[in-house]
């Protein structure tokens, strides 16, 4: 009886661990990336920020205090945020659809090797607000590619983003 209970508990623990591992990884890993690798990214997007936020973002913050952020350099696949969350699509098989989606206003994301997903945004507040910067062309050019991204990471209530400096329209 004890042996049966032990086996049942171990089996349940293994199944729970497998379910957690499946949720924490990249969706549909068989949809592969053909351009760039985690060791040799295809391109670099954004400039390394000297401070977390630009002057226009600081000025636009509530009481001139934006939410906390930290400069980061991350490597991952450029994905169409919407299609990845809704359908699990990424990689070369999804490149042309993802390009169309981001060119028409869908947000771009960075999918890291461990399956973390970050929405990508231009960092400079006033130029972003006024249409002076855009991520769409860079995201479209590198859709489905593994790249290095420099920017400021910020998170609120489980939502994660990287704000990229140096994007020109």
N, C-alpha and C. Protein backbone atom coordinates (compact mmCIF):
# COMPACT_ATOMS: atom_id res chain seq x y z
N UNK A 1 0.83 -1.19 0.00
CA UNK A 1 0.00 0.00 0.00
C UNK A 1 0.87 1.26 0.00
N UNK A 2 1.90 1.29 0.89
CA UNK A 2 2.79 2.45 0.94
C UNK A 2 3.53 2.63 -0.38
N UNK A 3 3.93 1.50 -0.96
CA UNK A 3 4.65 1.57 -2.24
C UNK A 3 3.74 2.17 -3.32
N UNK A 4 2.48 1.78 -3.34
CA UNK A 4 1.53 2.29 -4.32
C UNK A 4 1.32 3.80 -4.13
N UNK A 5 1.21 4.24 -2.88
CA UNK A 5 1.04 5.67 -2.58
C UNK A 5 2.29 6.44 -3.00
N UNK A 6 3.47 5.89 -2.71
CA UNK A 6 4.73 6.54 -3.09
C UNK A 6 4.84 6.67 -4.61
N UNK A 7 4.51 5.60 -5.31
CA UNK A 7 4.57 5.62 -6.78
C UNK A 7 3.58 6.64 -7.33
N UNK A 8 2.38 6.67 -6.75
CA UNK A 8 1.37 7.63 -7.18
C UNK A 8 1.84 9.06 -6.96
N UNK A 9 2.42 9.33 -5.79
CA UNK A 9 2.93 10.68 -5.50
C UNK A 9 4.07 11.07 -6.43
N UNK A 10 4.98 10.14 -6.67
CA UNK A 10 6.10 10.41 -7.57
C UNK A 10 5.58 10.65 -8.99
N UNK A 11 4.65 9.82 -9.42
CA UNK A 11 4.06 9.98 -10.76
C UNK A 11 3.37 11.32 -10.91
N UNK A 12 2.63 11.73 -9.89
CA UNK A 12 1.94 13.02 -9.91
C UNK A 12 2.95 14.16 -9.97
N UNK A 13 4.02 14.05 -9.19
CA UNK A 13 5.06 15.08 -9.19
C UNK A 13 5.72 15.19 -10.56
N UNK A 14 6.00 14.05 -11.19
CA UNK A 14 6.62 14.05 -12.52
C UNK A 14 5.68 14.69 -13.54
N UNK A 15 4.41 14.35 -13.49
CA UNK A 15 3.44 14.94 -14.42
C UNK A 15 3.32 16.45 -14.22
N UNK A 16 3.30 16.88 -12.97
CA UNK A 16 3.23 18.32 -12.69
C UNK A 16 4.47 19.04 -13.20
N UNK A 17 5.64 18.44 -12.99
CA UNK A 17 6.88 19.03 -13.47
C UNK A 17 6.89 19.10 -14.99
N UNK A 18 6.43 18.04 -15.65
CA UNK A 18 6.37 18.03 -17.12
C UNK A 18 5.41 19.10 -17.63
N UNK A 19 4.28 19.26 -16.97
CA UNK A 19 3.31 20.29 -17.38
C UNK A 19 3.91 21.68 -17.20
N UNK A 20 4.61 21.89 -16.09
CA UNK A 20 5.25 23.19 -15.86
C UNK A 20 6.32 23.45 -16.91
N UNK A 21 7.15 22.45 -17.22
CA UNK A 21 8.21 22.61 -18.21
C UNK A 21 7.62 22.93 -19.57
N UNK A 22 6.51 22.27 -19.92
CA UNK A 22 5.88 22.55 -21.21
C UNK A 22 5.36 23.98 -21.28
N UNK A 23 4.83 24.50 -20.17
CA UNK A 23 4.31 25.86 -20.15
C UNK A 23 5.41 26.90 -20.15
N UNK A 24 6.57 26.58 -19.61
CA UNK A 24 7.62 27.58 -19.47
C UNK A 24 8.52 27.67 -20.70
N UNK A 25 8.39 26.76 -21.66
CA UNK A 25 9.24 26.76 -22.85
C UNK A 25 8.59 27.46 -24.03
N UNK A 26 9.29 27.41 -25.13
CA UNK A 26 8.80 28.00 -26.37
C UNK A 26 7.66 27.15 -26.92
N UNK A 27 6.58 27.79 -27.30
CA UNK A 27 5.46 27.08 -27.93
C UNK A 27 5.89 26.58 -29.31
N UNK A 28 5.50 25.42 -29.67
CA UNK A 28 5.79 24.82 -30.98
C UNK A 28 7.26 24.94 -31.35
N UNK A 29 8.14 24.30 -30.56
CA UNK A 29 9.58 24.39 -30.85
C UNK A 29 9.97 23.81 -32.21
N UNK A 30 9.06 23.04 -32.82
CA UNK A 30 9.34 22.50 -34.16
C UNK A 30 9.23 23.58 -35.24
N UNK A 31 8.65 24.74 -34.92
CA UNK A 31 8.62 25.86 -35.85
C UNK A 31 9.95 26.60 -35.66
N UNK A 32 10.93 26.26 -36.44
CA UNK A 32 12.29 26.69 -36.20
C UNK A 32 12.65 28.02 -36.85
N UNK A 33 13.73 28.58 -36.34
CA UNK A 33 14.30 29.83 -36.84
C UNK A 33 15.48 29.46 -37.72
N UNK A 34 15.56 30.08 -38.90
CA UNK A 34 16.65 29.77 -39.83
C UNK A 34 17.72 30.85 -39.86
N UNK A 35 17.45 32.03 -39.32
CA UNK A 35 18.40 33.14 -39.40
C UNK A 35 18.79 33.61 -38.01
N UNK A 36 20.07 33.47 -37.69
CA UNK A 36 20.58 33.85 -36.39
C UNK A 36 20.47 32.68 -35.42
N UNK A 37 21.27 32.78 -34.35
CA UNK A 37 21.23 31.77 -33.29
C UNK A 37 21.42 32.50 -31.97
N UNK A 38 21.20 31.80 -30.88
CA UNK A 38 21.36 32.43 -29.58
C UNK A 38 22.83 32.75 -29.30
N UNK A 39 23.74 31.99 -29.92
CA UNK A 39 25.17 32.28 -29.78
C UNK A 39 25.64 33.34 -30.77
N UNK A 40 25.00 33.40 -31.94
CA UNK A 40 25.38 34.37 -32.97
C UNK A 40 24.11 35.02 -33.53
N UNK A 41 23.59 36.03 -32.81
CA UNK A 41 22.38 36.72 -33.30
C UNK A 41 22.63 37.34 -34.67
N UNK A 42 21.57 37.40 -35.47
CA UNK A 42 21.67 37.92 -36.84
C UNK A 42 21.95 39.43 -36.87
N UNK A 43 21.44 40.17 -35.90
CA UNK A 43 21.55 41.63 -35.90
C UNK A 43 21.43 42.14 -34.48
N UNK A 44 21.72 43.42 -34.32
CA UNK A 44 21.51 44.10 -33.04
C UNK A 44 20.51 45.21 -33.27
N UNK A 45 19.51 45.28 -32.41
CA UNK A 45 18.46 46.31 -32.49
C UNK A 45 18.56 47.18 -31.25
N UNK A 46 18.61 48.49 -31.45
CA UNK A 46 18.65 49.44 -30.35
C UNK A 46 20.05 49.74 -29.87
N UNK A 47 20.17 50.86 -29.20
CA UNK A 47 21.44 51.26 -28.61
C UNK A 47 21.40 51.01 -27.11
N UNK A 48 22.55 50.68 -26.55
CA UNK A 48 22.60 50.43 -25.11
C UNK A 48 22.33 51.73 -24.37
N UNK A 49 21.30 51.76 -23.54
CA UNK A 49 20.99 53.01 -22.82
C UNK A 49 21.99 53.30 -21.71
N UNK A 50 22.36 54.57 -21.58
CA UNK A 50 23.24 54.99 -20.49
C UNK A 50 22.48 55.03 -19.17
N UNK A 51 21.19 55.34 -19.25
CA UNK A 51 20.31 55.35 -18.09
C UNK A 51 19.01 54.67 -18.51
N UNK A 52 18.20 54.21 -17.58
CA UNK A 52 17.00 53.46 -17.97
C UNK A 52 16.07 54.22 -18.91
N UNK A 53 15.83 55.50 -18.65
CA UNK A 53 14.82 56.23 -19.42
C UNK A 53 15.41 57.50 -20.04
N UNK A 54 14.90 57.84 -21.22
CA UNK A 54 15.33 59.07 -21.90
C UNK A 54 14.71 60.28 -21.21
N UNK A 55 15.21 61.46 -21.56
CA UNK A 55 14.71 62.70 -20.97
C UNK A 55 13.21 62.89 -21.24
N UNK A 56 12.74 62.53 -22.45
CA UNK A 56 11.31 62.74 -22.73
C UNK A 56 10.44 61.79 -21.92
N UNK A 57 10.94 60.59 -21.64
CA UNK A 57 10.18 59.65 -20.82
C UNK A 57 10.14 60.13 -19.38
N UNK A 58 11.27 60.60 -18.87
CA UNK A 58 11.29 61.13 -17.50
C UNK A 58 10.34 62.31 -17.38
N UNK A 59 10.39 63.22 -18.34
CA UNK A 59 9.51 64.40 -18.31
C UNK A 59 8.04 64.00 -18.37
N UNK A 60 7.72 62.92 -19.08
CA UNK A 60 6.33 62.50 -19.23
C UNK A 60 5.82 61.68 -18.04
N UNK A 61 6.71 61.23 -17.17
CA UNK A 61 6.32 60.40 -16.04
C UNK A 61 5.46 61.15 -15.04
N UNK A 62 4.65 60.39 -14.30
CA UNK A 62 3.86 60.99 -13.23
C UNK A 62 4.84 61.59 -12.23
N UNK A 63 4.70 62.89 -11.96
CA UNK A 63 5.65 63.61 -11.11
C UNK A 63 7.09 63.45 -11.61
N UNK A 64 7.24 63.31 -12.94
CA UNK A 64 8.54 63.13 -13.59
C UNK A 64 9.27 61.87 -13.11
N UNK A 65 8.48 60.86 -12.75
CA UNK A 65 9.05 59.59 -12.28
C UNK A 65 8.41 58.43 -13.04
N UNK A 66 9.08 57.96 -14.11
CA UNK A 66 8.54 56.78 -14.81
C UNK A 66 8.59 55.55 -13.90
N UNK A 67 7.93 54.50 -14.30
CA UNK A 67 7.99 53.23 -13.58
C UNK A 67 9.44 52.75 -13.57
N UNK A 68 9.81 51.90 -12.62
CA UNK A 68 11.18 51.39 -12.59
C UNK A 68 11.52 50.62 -13.87
N UNK A 69 12.75 50.74 -14.28
CA UNK A 69 13.24 50.01 -15.44
C UNK A 69 14.73 49.79 -15.30
N UNK A 70 15.24 48.81 -16.04
CA UNK A 70 16.69 48.56 -15.97
C UNK A 70 17.21 48.29 -17.38
N UNK A 71 18.38 48.87 -17.71
CA UNK A 71 18.98 48.61 -19.01
C UNK A 71 19.31 47.12 -19.15
N UNK A 72 19.00 46.56 -20.33
CA UNK A 72 19.26 45.14 -20.59
C UNK A 72 19.76 44.94 -22.02
N UNK A 73 20.42 43.85 -22.20
CA UNK A 73 20.73 43.30 -23.53
C UNK A 73 20.21 41.88 -23.50
N UNK A 74 19.29 41.57 -24.41
CA UNK A 74 18.70 40.23 -24.46
C UNK A 74 18.77 39.70 -25.88
N UNK A 75 18.82 38.38 -25.99
CA UNK A 75 18.83 37.71 -27.28
C UNK A 75 17.56 36.89 -27.39
N UNK A 76 16.92 36.97 -28.54
CA UNK A 76 15.70 36.19 -28.76
C UNK A 76 15.20 36.35 -30.18
N UNK A 77 14.09 35.70 -30.43
CA UNK A 77 13.45 35.73 -31.75
C UNK A 77 12.44 36.87 -31.80
N UNK A 78 12.46 37.63 -32.87
CA UNK A 78 11.44 38.65 -33.09
C UNK A 78 10.16 37.92 -33.55
N UNK A 79 9.08 38.14 -32.81
CA UNK A 79 7.80 37.50 -33.12
C UNK A 79 6.70 38.56 -33.20
N UNK A 80 5.64 38.18 -33.87
CA UNK A 80 4.40 38.97 -33.82
C UNK A 80 3.75 38.58 -32.50
N UNK A 81 3.71 39.51 -31.57
CA UNK A 81 3.22 39.27 -30.21
C UNK A 81 1.82 38.65 -30.22
N UNK A 82 0.95 39.18 -31.05
CA UNK A 82 -0.44 38.73 -31.11
C UNK A 82 -0.54 37.28 -31.59
N UNK A 83 0.08 36.97 -32.72
CA UNK A 83 0.00 35.61 -33.26
C UNK A 83 0.67 34.59 -32.35
N UNK A 84 1.75 35.00 -31.67
CA UNK A 84 2.42 34.05 -30.78
C UNK A 84 1.51 33.71 -29.60
N UNK A 85 0.93 34.70 -28.96
CA UNK A 85 0.08 34.43 -27.81
C UNK A 85 -1.21 33.72 -28.23
N UNK A 86 -1.81 34.15 -29.30
CA UNK A 86 -3.10 33.60 -29.73
C UNK A 86 -2.96 32.23 -30.40
N UNK A 87 -1.90 32.04 -31.21
CA UNK A 87 -1.79 30.85 -32.04
C UNK A 87 -0.52 30.02 -31.82
N UNK A 88 0.45 30.60 -31.11
CA UNK A 88 1.72 29.90 -30.90
C UNK A 88 2.66 29.96 -32.09
N UNK A 89 2.36 30.81 -33.06
CA UNK A 89 3.15 30.84 -34.29
C UNK A 89 4.40 31.70 -34.16
N UNK A 90 5.49 31.21 -34.75
CA UNK A 90 6.76 31.92 -34.77
C UNK A 90 7.66 31.22 -35.78
N UNK A 91 8.91 31.65 -35.88
CA UNK A 91 9.87 30.99 -36.76
C UNK A 91 9.66 31.31 -38.22
N UNK A 92 10.41 30.61 -39.05
CA UNK A 92 10.40 30.85 -40.50
C UNK A 92 9.02 30.60 -41.11
N UNK A 93 8.29 29.60 -40.60
CA UNK A 93 6.96 29.29 -41.13
C UNK A 93 5.99 30.46 -40.96
N UNK A 94 6.24 31.32 -39.97
CA UNK A 94 5.32 32.41 -39.68
C UNK A 94 5.86 33.77 -40.13
N UNK A 95 7.02 33.81 -40.74
CA UNK A 95 7.69 35.06 -41.09
C UNK A 95 6.81 36.01 -41.91
N UNK A 96 6.24 35.56 -43.02
CA UNK A 96 5.49 36.48 -43.88
C UNK A 96 4.21 36.97 -43.20
N UNK A 97 3.52 36.12 -42.46
CA UNK A 97 2.32 36.55 -41.73
C UNK A 97 2.69 37.55 -40.65
N UNK A 98 3.75 37.24 -39.89
CA UNK A 98 4.20 38.15 -38.82
C UNK A 98 4.61 39.50 -39.37
N UNK A 99 5.26 39.50 -40.53
CA UNK A 99 5.65 40.77 -41.16
C UNK A 99 4.42 41.62 -41.47
N UNK A 100 3.42 41.00 -42.05
CA UNK A 100 2.19 41.73 -42.39
C UNK A 100 1.50 42.25 -41.12
N UNK A 101 1.47 41.42 -40.09
CA UNK A 101 0.81 41.84 -38.85
C UNK A 101 1.48 43.06 -38.24
N UNK A 102 2.83 43.05 -38.09
CA UNK A 102 3.48 44.20 -37.46
C UNK A 102 3.46 45.43 -38.36
N UNK A 103 3.49 45.24 -39.67
CA UNK A 103 3.40 46.38 -40.59
C UNK A 103 2.03 47.06 -40.50
N UNK A 104 1.04 46.30 -40.03
CA UNK A 104 -0.31 46.85 -39.92
C UNK A 104 -0.74 47.10 -38.48
N UNK A 105 0.24 47.27 -37.58
CA UNK A 105 -0.07 47.74 -36.24
C UNK A 105 -0.04 46.73 -35.11
N UNK A 106 0.15 45.46 -35.41
CA UNK A 106 0.23 44.48 -34.34
C UNK A 106 1.56 44.66 -33.60
N UNK A 107 1.60 44.49 -32.29
CA UNK A 107 2.86 44.68 -31.57
C UNK A 107 3.87 43.58 -31.85
N UNK A 108 5.15 43.95 -31.80
CA UNK A 108 6.23 42.99 -31.96
C UNK A 108 6.68 42.54 -30.58
N UNK A 109 7.27 41.36 -30.53
CA UNK A 109 7.78 40.84 -29.28
C UNK A 109 9.14 40.20 -29.44
N UNK A 110 9.77 39.94 -28.32
CA UNK A 110 11.03 39.20 -28.28
C UNK A 110 10.78 37.94 -27.48
N UNK A 111 11.01 36.80 -28.10
CA UNK A 111 10.83 35.49 -27.48
C UNK A 111 12.21 34.94 -27.15
N UNK A 112 12.51 34.81 -25.85
CA UNK A 112 13.84 34.36 -25.45
C UNK A 112 13.94 32.83 -25.48
N UNK A 113 15.15 32.35 -25.37
CA UNK A 113 15.44 30.92 -25.44
C UNK A 113 14.64 30.11 -24.42
N UNK A 114 14.37 30.70 -23.25
CA UNK A 114 13.63 29.99 -22.21
C UNK A 114 12.11 30.15 -22.32
N UNK A 115 11.66 30.83 -23.37
CA UNK A 115 10.22 30.99 -23.59
C UNK A 115 9.63 32.26 -23.01
N UNK A 116 10.44 33.12 -22.40
CA UNK A 116 9.92 34.40 -21.90
C UNK A 116 9.57 35.29 -23.10
N UNK A 117 8.50 36.04 -22.96
CA UNK A 117 8.02 36.90 -24.05
C UNK A 117 7.96 38.34 -23.57
N UNK A 118 8.55 39.24 -24.33
CA UNK A 118 8.58 40.66 -24.01
C UNK A 118 7.97 41.44 -25.17
N UNK A 119 7.06 42.35 -24.87
CA UNK A 119 6.57 43.26 -25.89
C UNK A 119 7.69 44.27 -26.17
N UNK A 120 7.88 44.62 -27.42
CA UNK A 120 8.90 45.59 -27.80
C UNK A 120 8.24 46.91 -28.13
N UNK A 121 8.84 48.00 -27.62
CA UNK A 121 8.29 49.34 -27.83
C UNK A 121 9.44 50.32 -28.05
N UNK A 122 9.22 51.37 -28.85
CA UNK A 122 10.21 52.45 -28.88
C UNK A 122 10.25 53.13 -27.51
N UNK A 123 11.44 53.50 -27.04
CA UNK A 123 11.57 54.05 -25.69
C UNK A 123 11.19 55.52 -25.59
N UNK A 124 11.69 56.35 -26.47
CA UNK A 124 11.53 57.80 -26.33
C UNK A 124 10.05 58.19 -26.36
N UNK A 125 9.53 58.69 -25.24
CA UNK A 125 8.10 58.93 -25.10
C UNK A 125 7.54 59.90 -26.14
N UNK A 126 8.07 61.13 -26.19
CA UNK A 126 7.48 62.13 -27.09
C UNK A 126 7.59 61.72 -28.56
N UNK A 127 8.76 61.27 -29.04
CA UNK A 127 8.81 60.81 -30.43
C UNK A 127 7.86 59.64 -30.71
N UNK A 128 7.69 58.73 -29.74
CA UNK A 128 6.74 57.61 -29.93
C UNK A 128 5.33 58.15 -30.02
N UNK A 129 4.96 59.04 -29.09
CA UNK A 129 3.62 59.62 -29.06
C UNK A 129 3.32 60.38 -30.34
N UNK A 130 4.33 61.09 -30.85
CA UNK A 130 4.13 61.96 -32.00
C UNK A 130 4.43 61.30 -33.34
N UNK A 131 4.71 59.99 -33.34
CA UNK A 131 4.94 59.26 -34.59
C UNK A 131 6.32 59.44 -35.17
N UNK A 132 7.28 59.90 -34.39
CA UNK A 132 8.63 60.12 -34.89
C UNK A 132 9.53 58.90 -34.86
N UNK A 133 9.12 57.85 -34.19
CA UNK A 133 9.88 56.61 -34.14
C UNK A 133 8.93 55.45 -34.41
N UNK A 134 9.49 54.39 -34.95
CA UNK A 134 8.66 53.23 -35.25
C UNK A 134 9.48 51.96 -35.13
N UNK A 135 8.89 50.95 -34.61
CA UNK A 135 9.50 49.64 -34.50
C UNK A 135 9.08 48.74 -35.67
N UNK A 136 8.01 49.11 -36.36
CA UNK A 136 7.40 48.23 -37.37
C UNK A 136 8.38 47.79 -38.46
N UNK A 137 9.16 48.70 -39.02
CA UNK A 137 10.04 48.30 -40.13
C UNK A 137 11.17 47.38 -39.65
N UNK A 138 11.76 47.69 -38.49
CA UNK A 138 12.83 46.84 -37.96
C UNK A 138 12.27 45.48 -37.58
N UNK A 139 11.11 45.46 -36.93
CA UNK A 139 10.50 44.19 -36.53
C UNK A 139 10.12 43.37 -37.76
N UNK A 140 9.63 44.02 -38.79
CA UNK A 140 9.27 43.32 -40.02
C UNK A 140 10.50 42.74 -40.70
N UNK A 141 11.57 43.55 -40.79
CA UNK A 141 12.81 43.07 -41.42
C UNK A 141 13.38 41.85 -40.71
N UNK A 142 13.23 41.80 -39.40
CA UNK A 142 13.83 40.71 -38.62
C UNK A 142 12.82 39.72 -38.05
N UNK A 143 11.61 39.73 -38.56
CA UNK A 143 10.59 38.79 -38.10
C UNK A 143 11.09 37.36 -38.27
N UNK A 144 11.00 36.58 -37.20
CA UNK A 144 11.42 35.19 -37.26
C UNK A 144 12.92 35.00 -37.19
N UNK A 145 13.68 36.05 -36.94
CA UNK A 145 15.13 35.96 -36.80
C UNK A 145 15.51 36.07 -35.33
N UNK A 146 16.63 35.49 -34.97
CA UNK A 146 17.16 35.66 -33.62
C UNK A 146 18.12 36.84 -33.65
N UNK A 147 17.86 37.82 -32.79
CA UNK A 147 18.62 39.07 -32.74
C UNK A 147 18.98 39.41 -31.30
N UNK A 148 19.87 40.38 -31.17
CA UNK A 148 20.18 40.95 -29.86
C UNK A 148 19.42 42.26 -29.75
N UNK A 149 18.78 42.49 -28.62
CA UNK A 149 18.02 43.72 -28.39
C UNK A 149 18.59 44.44 -27.17
N UNK A 150 18.85 45.73 -27.34
CA UNK A 150 19.29 46.59 -26.25
C UNK A 150 18.16 47.53 -25.90
N UNK A 151 17.92 47.73 -24.61
CA UNK A 151 16.86 48.65 -24.21
C UNK A 151 16.67 48.65 -22.71
N UNK A 152 15.49 49.09 -22.30
CA UNK A 152 15.14 49.15 -20.89
C UNK A 152 14.01 48.17 -20.63
N UNK A 153 14.24 47.25 -19.71
CA UNK A 153 13.21 46.28 -19.34
C UNK A 153 12.33 46.88 -18.25
N UNK A 154 11.03 46.71 -18.42
CA UNK A 154 10.06 47.15 -17.41
C UNK A 154 8.97 46.09 -17.32
N UNK A 155 8.45 45.90 -16.11
CA UNK A 155 7.40 44.91 -15.89
C UNK A 155 6.35 45.49 -14.95
N UNK A 156 5.09 45.22 -15.25
CA UNK A 156 3.98 45.63 -14.39
C UNK A 156 2.96 44.49 -14.38
N UNK A 157 2.69 43.96 -13.19
CA UNK A 157 1.65 42.94 -13.00
C UNK A 157 1.74 41.78 -13.99
N UNK A 158 2.93 41.29 -14.24
CA UNK A 158 3.10 40.14 -15.12
C UNK A 158 3.30 40.48 -16.58
N UNK A 159 3.12 41.72 -16.96
CA UNK A 159 3.38 42.15 -18.33
C UNK A 159 4.83 42.61 -18.42
N UNK A 160 5.56 42.14 -19.44
CA UNK A 160 6.97 42.45 -19.59
C UNK A 160 7.20 43.16 -20.92
N UNK A 161 8.06 44.18 -20.89
CA UNK A 161 8.37 44.93 -22.10
C UNK A 161 9.83 45.32 -22.12
N UNK A 162 10.33 45.52 -23.31
CA UNK A 162 11.65 46.11 -23.51
C UNK A 162 11.42 47.36 -24.37
N UNK A 163 11.85 48.49 -23.85
CA UNK A 163 11.73 49.77 -24.54
C UNK A 163 13.06 50.05 -25.21
N UNK A 164 13.04 50.20 -26.53
CA UNK A 164 14.25 50.30 -27.33
C UNK A 164 14.55 51.75 -27.72
N UNK A 165 15.77 52.19 -27.43
CA UNK A 165 16.22 53.52 -27.84
C UNK A 165 16.80 53.46 -29.24
N UNK A 166 16.75 54.58 -29.94
CA UNK A 166 17.45 54.71 -31.22
C UNK A 166 16.69 54.25 -32.43
N UNK A 167 15.39 54.05 -32.32
CA UNK A 167 14.60 53.65 -33.50
C UNK A 167 14.16 54.91 -34.24
N UNK A 168 14.53 55.01 -35.49
CA UNK A 168 14.13 56.17 -36.28
C UNK A 168 13.09 55.73 -37.29
N UNK A 169 12.26 56.66 -37.69
CA UNK A 169 11.20 56.35 -38.65
C UNK A 169 11.71 56.52 -40.06
